[in-house]
Protein backbone atom coordinates (compact mmCIF):
# COMPACT_ATOMS: atom_id res chain seq x y z
CA MET A 1 7.53 -9.91 -22.74
CA GLY A 2 6.11 -6.31 -22.67
CA GLN A 3 2.77 -7.69 -21.55
CA THR A 4 4.30 -9.60 -18.68
CA ILE A 5 6.09 -6.45 -17.40
CA PHE A 6 2.68 -4.54 -17.76
CA TYR A 7 0.88 -7.13 -15.68
CA ALA A 8 3.68 -7.14 -13.05
CA LEU A 9 3.46 -3.35 -12.67
CA VAL A 10 -0.37 -3.50 -12.41
CA SER A 11 0.05 -6.09 -9.63
CA VAL A 12 2.46 -4.02 -7.74
CA VAL A 13 0.22 -0.87 -8.02
CA ILE A 14 -2.76 -2.92 -6.74
CA CYS A 15 -0.68 -4.30 -3.82
CA VAL A 16 0.49 -0.75 -2.87
CA ALA A 17 -3.03 0.62 -3.13
CA TYR A 18 -4.36 -2.24 -0.95
CA PHE A 19 -1.64 -1.70 1.67
CA LEU A 20 -2.41 2.02 1.77
CA ALA A 21 -6.13 1.38 2.10
CA VAL A 22 -5.65 -1.13 4.98
CA ASP A 23 -3.18 1.25 6.63
CA HIS A 24 -5.67 4.04 6.40
CA PHE A 25 -8.38 2.00 8.03
CA LEU A 26 -6.15 0.81 10.82
CA MET A 27 -5.02 4.39 11.48
CA ASP A 28 -8.57 5.49 11.73
CA ALA A 29 -9.57 2.63 14.04
CA GLN A 30 -6.56 2.59 16.37
CA GLY A 31 -4.81 5.96 15.97
CA LEU A 32 -1.82 4.13 14.55
CA ASP A 33 -0.40 3.83 11.05
CA PHE A 34 2.53 2.36 9.19
CA TRP A 35 4.23 5.81 8.78
CA TYR A 36 4.47 6.63 12.50
CA MET A 37 7.85 4.86 12.39
CA PHE A 38 9.21 7.62 10.12
CA ARG A 39 7.81 10.48 12.07
CA LYS A 40 10.38 10.72 14.88
C-alpha cells in the first residue's frame, strides 16, 4: 500500500512539473501564462 501511495505522489509531482514547464514555454512564446488569472 505504501508503495502505491509513493508512486501516486511521484506521478502528481511529474504532472505538476510538466505543467509548469509547458506554462513557462507558453509564457515565453506568447507573453501569457496560467497565473495571469490570479494577478488582477
